Amino acid sequence: MNREKINCLIIGSGPAGYTAAIYASRANLNPVLYEGLQPGGQLTTTTDVENFPGYPDGVSGFQMMEDMKNQALRFAADIRPGDITEVDFSSRPFIIKASDGKEILAKTVIIATGATAKYLGLPSEEKFKGQGVSACATCDGFFYRKKNVAVVGGGDTACEEAVYLAGLCNKVYMIVRRNVFRASKVMQDRVLKTENIEILWEHRTKEILGDESGVTGVLLTDKNGKEKIIDIHGFFLAIGHHPNSDIFKKYVETDDLGYIITKGKTTATNVPGVFAAGDVQDVHYRQGVTAAASGCMAAKDAENFLVDNE
């Protein structure tokens, strides 16, 4: 088979992947980027982004990703549709197989495959995604100022998002499946001390209610099967994320949740020449701006690696 030889392969196309492509292209690495199953990543499912620098009036998540993509194309990045199906990091150059049938020999690889938010699996959840249903309070909470919202979950992330939303919203309902939190004591205390947070213990979401304007309420059931409706405008999922790292785990070290572990303040993984950027290695921040920053770091790390090893 005629294998394509490249300096830098970027896997994934959110803020981390596109920023890595911009920097790698300007460094004359001639990068190839595969966009993956969701070109543009999670931000393409967000209606308006108001907290990314450089957009004082806000911008749609889709448009922002198109802007980043076009900037990378301006510097001649080779951006391709499709996904990576198999990797072999056992020796350099790395052997990569793509869904378009190509087999690539890559001197360096930047993994920017992101993470996928966990959802409840309700049809109404999908219907109102971006119209009241969100998996990121810090991204979308600002749109629900002075309104009532609900947060699903009982862990640290749920508590953190509930407290954050309580500073913006009129009232925050926490929908907790169990009769206790899974969160750390300090996060539990913050929730319990916040007056406009109401905890609905031992409740499950049966259906998200809404109309053409978006979410208007949620239908809940308690442990006895009794139903109740609460009126809300925002429904926030905080039941975790799944990092898209599965095909790399044979070679790349991850934590217990599957997030790729990087070394110190770099994007280097345990495999020399393989770097990770964005949400696939970020369990803490998961923001577009931090993903973009780590994409820059990964491209610089890859450039330095090639200089040192060529």
Protein backbone atom coordinates (compact mmCIF):
# COMPACT_ATOMS: atom_id res chain seq x y z
CA MET A 1 0.00 0.00 0.00
CA ASN A 2 1.15 3.52 -0.84
CA ARG A 3 1.22 5.26 2.53
CA GLU A 4 0.97 9.05 2.77
CA LYS A 5 3.85 10.61 4.71
CA ILE A 6 3.12 13.73 6.74
CA ASN A 7 4.79 15.79 9.46
CA CYS A 8 1.78 16.44 11.66
CA LEU A 9 -1.61 14.75 11.81
CA ILE A 10 -4.36 16.51 13.78
CA ILE A 11 -7.30 14.36 14.83
CA GLY A 12 -10.40 16.41 15.65
CA SER A 13 -11.80 19.77 14.63
CA GLY A 14 -13.05 21.77 17.60
CA PRO A 15 -11.26 24.88 18.89
CA ALA A 16 -8.25 22.75 19.84
CA GLY A 17 -7.91 21.03 16.47
CA TYR A 18 -8.46 24.09 14.31
CA THR A 19 -6.11 26.24 16.42
CA ALA A 20 -3.45 23.53 16.22
CA ALA A 21 -3.92 23.55 12.43
CA ILE A 22 -3.45 27.33 12.29
CA TYR A 23 -0.22 27.24 14.29
CA ALA A 24 1.16 24.10 12.62
CA SER A 25 0.47 25.57 9.17
CA ARG A 26 2.23 28.82 10.01
CA ALA A 27 5.19 26.76 11.22
CA ASN A 28 5.36 25.08 7.78
CA LEU A 29 4.52 21.66 9.18
CA ASN A 30 1.94 21.12 6.40
CA PRO A 31 -0.55 19.55 8.81
CA VAL A 32 -3.38 17.24 7.82
CA LEU A 33 -6.54 17.49 9.94
CA TYR A 34 -9.38 14.97 9.99
CA GLU A 35 -12.56 16.64 11.20
CA GLY A 36 -14.16 13.60 12.80
CA LEU A 37 -17.79 12.63 13.17
CA GLN A 38 -18.85 16.10 14.38
CA PRO A 39 -16.98 18.76 12.37
CA GLY A 40 -16.45 21.75 14.63
CA GLY A 41 -17.00 19.76 17.81
CA GLN A 42 -19.38 20.44 20.70
CA LEU A 43 -19.59 24.19 20.08
CA THR A 44 -21.54 23.60 16.88
CA THR A 45 -24.47 22.50 19.07
CA THR A 46 -24.40 25.80 21.01
CA THR A 47 -26.58 28.61 19.72
CA ASP A 48 -24.71 31.71 20.89
CA VAL A 49 -21.21 32.03 22.33
CA GLU A 50 -20.67 35.24 24.30
CA ASN A 51 -17.55 34.43 26.33
CA PHE A 52 -14.96 33.83 23.60
CA PRO A 53 -12.54 36.77 23.20
CA GLY A 54 -12.81 38.73 19.96
CA TYR A 55 -16.57 38.48 19.53
CA PRO A 56 -17.93 41.46 21.51
CA ASP A 57 -21.48 40.93 20.22
CA GLY A 58 -21.38 37.15 20.56
CA VAL A 59 -21.36 34.60 17.77
CA SER A 60 -23.07 31.30 16.99
CA GLY A 61 -20.99 28.27 17.87
CA PHE A 62 -21.28 27.02 14.29
CA GLN A 63 -20.09 30.34 12.85
CA MET A 64 -17.14 30.54 15.24
CA MET A 65 -15.99 27.07 14.18
CA GLU A 66 -16.37 28.05 10.52
CA ASP A 67 -14.22 31.13 11.21
CA MET A 68 -11.51 29.01 12.82
CA LYS A 69 -11.65 26.49 9.98
CA ASN A 70 -11.36 29.22 7.34
CA GLN A 71 -8.42 30.75 9.18
CA ALA A 72 -6.64 27.38 9.12
CA LEU A 73 -7.46 26.98 5.41
CA ARG A 74 -6.01 30.43 4.74
CA PHE A 75 -2.64 29.08 5.85
CA ALA A 76 -3.07 25.99 3.64
CA ALA A 77 -3.97 23.43 6.29
CA ASP A 78 -5.18 20.21 4.65
CA ILE A 79 -8.60 19.74 6.29
CA ARG A 80 -10.42 16.54 5.41
CA PRO A 81 -13.84 15.11 6.21
CA GLY A 82 -13.95 11.73 7.88
CA ASP A 83 -12.66 10.00 10.96
CA ILE A 84 -9.60 8.11 12.14
CA THR A 85 -10.44 4.46 12.60
CA GLU A 86 -7.17 2.93 13.84
CA VAL A 87 -3.80 4.05 15.21
CA ASP A 88 -0.49 2.33 15.82
CA PHE A 89 1.74 4.37 18.12
CA SER A 90 4.20 1.53 18.79
CA SER A 91 6.91 3.13 16.64
CA ARG A 92 7.59 6.28 14.64
CA PRO A 93 6.43 7.24 12.13
CA PHE A 94 3.00 6.39 13.50
CA ILE A 95 0.67 4.33 11.30
CA ILE A 96 -2.82 5.81 11.05
CA LYS A 97 -5.85 4.51 9.19
CA ALA A 98 -8.65 6.86 8.16
CA SER A 99 -12.26 6.28 7.17
CA ASP A 100 -11.52 7.49 3.62
CA GLY A 101 -9.29 4.45 3.13
CA LYS A 102 -6.01 6.30 3.39
CA GLU A 103 -3.13 4.93 5.45
CA ILE A 104 -0.87 7.63 6.85
CA LEU A 105 2.65 7.68 8.24
CA ALA A 106 2.77 10.59 10.67
CA LYS A 107 5.87 11.95 12.38
CA THR A 108 3.72 13.63 15.04
CA VAL A 109 0.07 13.36 16.06
CA ILE A 110 -2.13 15.87 17.89
CA ILE A 111 -5.20 14.29 19.47
CA ALA A 112 -8.00 16.86 19.68
CA THR A 113 -11.04 14.58 19.65
CA GLY A 114 -12.82 16.34 22.54
CA ALA A 115 -15.34 14.87 24.92
CA THR A 116 -19.00 14.00 24.57
CA ALA A 117 -21.49 15.20 27.18
CA LYS A 118 -23.62 12.48 28.71
CA TYR A 119 -27.34 12.89 28.19
CA LEU A 120 -30.40 11.14 29.61
CA GLY A 121 -31.48 9.75 26.25
CA LEU A 122 -34.92 11.39 26.10
CA PRO A 123 -36.36 12.31 22.67
CA SER A 124 -37.45 15.68 24.09
CA GLU A 125 -33.89 16.28 25.26
CA GLU A 126 -32.67 16.01 21.67
CA LYS A 127 -35.58 18.10 20.42
CA PHE A 128 -34.75 21.06 22.67
CA LYS A 129 -30.95 20.83 22.52
CA GLY A 130 -29.77 24.39 22.00
CA GLN A 131 -33.26 25.70 22.81
CA GLY A 132 -33.11 25.38 26.58
CA VAL A 133 -31.24 22.08 26.95
CA SER A 134 -27.53 22.48 27.59
CA ALA A 135 -24.59 20.56 29.00
CA CYS A 136 -22.54 23.64 29.91
CA ALA A 137 -23.75 26.18 32.47
CA THR A 138 -20.78 28.50 32.04
CA CYS A 139 -21.41 28.51 28.28
CA ASP A 140 -25.14 29.10 28.28
CA GLY A 141 -26.21 30.18 31.78
CA PHE A 142 -26.04 33.87 30.91
CA PHE A 143 -29.05 33.47 28.58
CA TYR A 144 -31.26 32.53 31.54
CA ARG A 145 -30.71 35.57 33.72
CA LYS A 146 -33.59 36.12 36.19
CA LYS A 147 -35.29 32.91 35.01
CA ASN A 148 -35.87 29.50 36.59
CA VAL A 149 -33.61 26.62 35.55
CA ALA A 150 -32.90 23.02 36.53
CA VAL A 151 -29.64 21.11 36.91
CA VAL A 152 -29.57 17.31 36.68
CA GLY A 153 -26.93 15.52 38.73
CA GLY A 154 -25.55 15.10 42.21
CA GLY A 155 -21.79 15.23 41.79
CA ASP A 156 -19.23 18.02 42.03
CA THR A 157 -19.95 19.29 38.52
CA ALA A 158 -23.69 19.49 39.19
CA CYS A 159 -23.14 21.37 42.45
CA GLU A 160 -20.62 23.72 40.86
CA GLU A 161 -22.97 24.51 37.97
CA ALA A 162 -25.95 24.97 40.29
CA VAL A 163 -24.05 27.50 42.40
CA TYR A 164 -22.85 29.30 39.26
CA LEU A 165 -26.40 29.47 37.88
CA ALA A 166 -27.77 30.62 41.23
CA GLY A 167 -25.74 33.81 40.78
CA LEU A 168 -27.55 34.51 37.51
CA CYS A 169 -30.98 32.95 37.74
CA ASN A 170 -34.07 33.55 39.80
CA LYS A 171 -34.23 29.94 41.02
CA VAL A 172 -32.27 26.75 40.45
CA TYR A 173 -33.77 23.30 40.92
CA MET A 174 -31.35 20.43 41.42
CA ILE A 175 -32.79 17.12 40.23
CA VAL A 176 -30.96 14.42 42.18
CA ARG A 177 -31.68 10.75 41.54
CA ARG A 178 -30.53 9.57 44.97
CA ASN A 179 -31.25 10.87 48.48
CA VAL A 180 -27.66 12.06 48.93
CA PHE A 181 -25.08 13.99 46.91
CA ARG A 182 -22.06 12.30 45.37
CA ALA A 183 -20.25 15.63 45.55
CA SER A 184 -17.45 16.56 47.92
CA LYS A 185 -18.43 18.02 51.29
CA VAL A 186 -17.28 21.50 50.38
CA MET A 187 -19.44 21.54 47.24
CA GLN A 188 -22.44 20.17 49.13
CA ASP A 189 -22.07 22.94 51.71
CA ARG A 190 -22.01 25.60 49.00
CA VAL A 191 -25.24 24.30 47.51
CA LEU A 192 -27.00 23.98 50.86
CA LYS A 193 -26.02 27.54 51.81
CA THR A 194 -27.36 29.02 48.57
CA GLU A 195 -30.89 30.23 49.21
CA ASN A 196 -32.26 30.11 45.67
CA ILE A 197 -31.27 26.47 45.05
CA GLU A 198 -34.01 23.91 45.74
CA ILE A 199 -32.97 20.25 45.83
CA LEU A 200 -35.44 17.69 44.54
CA TRP A 201 -34.17 14.48 46.12
CA GLU A 202 -34.99 11.10 44.59
CA HIS A 203 -36.48 12.52 41.42
CA ARG A 204 -35.98 11.51 37.83
CA THR A 205 -36.68 13.37 34.62
CA LYS A 206 -39.50 11.80 32.63
CA GLU A 207 -39.89 14.42 29.92
CA ILE A 208 -38.73 17.89 29.00
CA LEU A 209 -41.63 20.16 28.09
CA GLY A 210 -41.61 23.02 25.65
CA ASP A 211 -42.99 24.75 22.58
CA GLU A 212 -41.64 26.60 19.54
CA SER A 213 -39.92 29.09 21.86
CA GLY A 214 -37.95 26.36 23.65
CA VAL A 215 -38.08 24.69 27.06
CA THR A 216 -40.98 25.67 29.32
CA GLY A 217 -40.87 22.98 32.00
CA VAL A 218 -39.93 19.47 33.00
CA LEU A 219 -42.01 16.48 34.06
CA LEU A 220 -40.50 14.61 37.03
CA THR A 221 -41.29 11.42 38.90
CA ASP A 222 -40.34 10.72 42.51
CA LYS A 223 -39.36 7.38 44.07
CA ASN A 224 -43.04 6.41 44.44
CA GLY A 225 -43.85 7.17 40.82
CA LYS A 226 -45.71 10.38 41.63
CA GLU A 227 -45.41 12.96 38.88
CA LYS A 228 -44.89 16.71 39.14
CA ILE A 229 -44.16 19.53 36.71
CA ILE A 230 -41.81 22.42 37.42
CA ASP A 231 -41.74 25.53 35.26
CA ILE A 232 -38.26 26.28 33.91
CA HIS A 233 -36.62 27.83 30.85
CA GLY A 234 -33.22 26.14 31.06
CA PHE A 235 -32.40 22.45 31.60
CA PHE A 236 -28.74 21.74 32.32
CA LEU A 237 -27.18 18.28 32.21
CA ALA A 238 -24.33 17.78 34.68
CA ILE A 239 -23.99 14.01 34.72
CA GLY A 240 -20.53 13.87 33.23
CA HIS A 241 -18.61 13.75 29.97
CA HIS A 242 -17.00 10.89 28.09
CA PRO A 243 -13.61 11.82 26.58
CA ASN A 244 -13.27 10.53 23.02
CA SER A 245 -10.05 8.64 23.71
CA ASP A 246 -11.02 5.00 23.27
CA ILE A 247 -9.02 4.22 20.13
CA PHE A 248 -5.85 5.66 21.69
CA LYS A 249 -5.97 3.85 25.05
CA LYS A 250 -3.83 0.92 23.88
CA TYR A 251 -0.87 3.31 23.65
CA VAL A 252 -1.69 6.56 25.44
CA GLU A 253 -2.01 6.83 29.21
CA THR A 254 -5.39 8.00 30.52
CA ASP A 255 -6.92 8.58 33.94
CA ASP A 256 -9.78 6.54 35.43
CA LEU A 257 -12.34 8.57 33.47
CA GLY A 258 -10.54 8.17 30.16
CA TYR A 259 -9.01 11.65 29.93
CA ILE A 260 -5.58 11.59 28.31
CA ILE A 261 -2.79 12.44 30.75
CA THR A 262 -0.32 15.07 29.60
CA LYS A 263 3.06 15.88 31.11
CA GLY A 264 3.43 18.93 33.32
CA LYS A 265 2.56 22.17 31.57
CA THR A 266 2.91 20.63 28.11
CA THR A 267 0.56 18.70 25.83
CA ALA A 268 2.95 15.75 25.56
CA THR A 269 1.57 12.29 26.28
CA ASN A 270 3.55 9.26 27.43
CA VAL A 271 4.22 8.47 23.75
CA PRO A 272 6.98 10.72 22.33
CA GLY A 273 5.59 12.59 19.35
CA VAL A 274 1.93 12.23 20.37
CA PHE A 275 0.25 15.27 21.91
CA ALA A 276 -3.25 15.89 23.29
CA ALA A 277 -5.21 19.14 23.35
CA GLY A 278 -8.67 20.32 24.32
CA ASP A 279 -11.41 18.49 26.18
CA VAL A 280 -9.95 15.03 25.57
CA GLN A 281 -7.32 15.91 28.18
CA ASP A 282 -9.09 18.64 30.17
CA VAL A 283 -11.27 17.34 32.99
CA HIS A 284 -11.43 20.72 34.76
CA TYR A 285 -12.20 23.67 32.47
CA ARG A 286 -13.75 22.35 29.22
CA GLN A 287 -14.09 25.80 27.64
CA GLY A 288 -13.62 26.83 24.04
CA VAL A 289 -10.92 29.35 24.91
CA THR A 290 -8.89 26.86 26.96
CA ALA A 291 -9.24 24.26 24.20
CA ALA A 292 -7.96 26.76 21.65
CA ALA A 293 -5.04 27.66 23.90
CA SER A 294 -4.05 24.03 24.31
CA GLY A 295 -4.30 23.58 20.53
CA CYS A 296 -1.69 26.31 20.16
CA MET A 297 0.48 24.58 22.77
CA ALA A 298 0.19 21.22 21.01
CA ALA A 299 1.25 22.67 17.67
CA LYS A 300 4.25 24.38 19.31
CA ASP A 301 5.13 21.16 21.14
CA ALA A 302 4.93 19.19 17.89
CA GLU A 303 7.08 21.76 16.10
CA ASN A 304 9.74 21.61 18.83
CA PHE A 305 9.65 17.83 18.83
CA LEU A 306 10.29 17.70 15.09
CA VAL A 307 13.17 20.17 15.39
CA ASP A 308 14.75 18.09 18.14
CA ASN A 309 14.24 14.72 16.45
CA GLU A 310 14.87 15.39 12.76
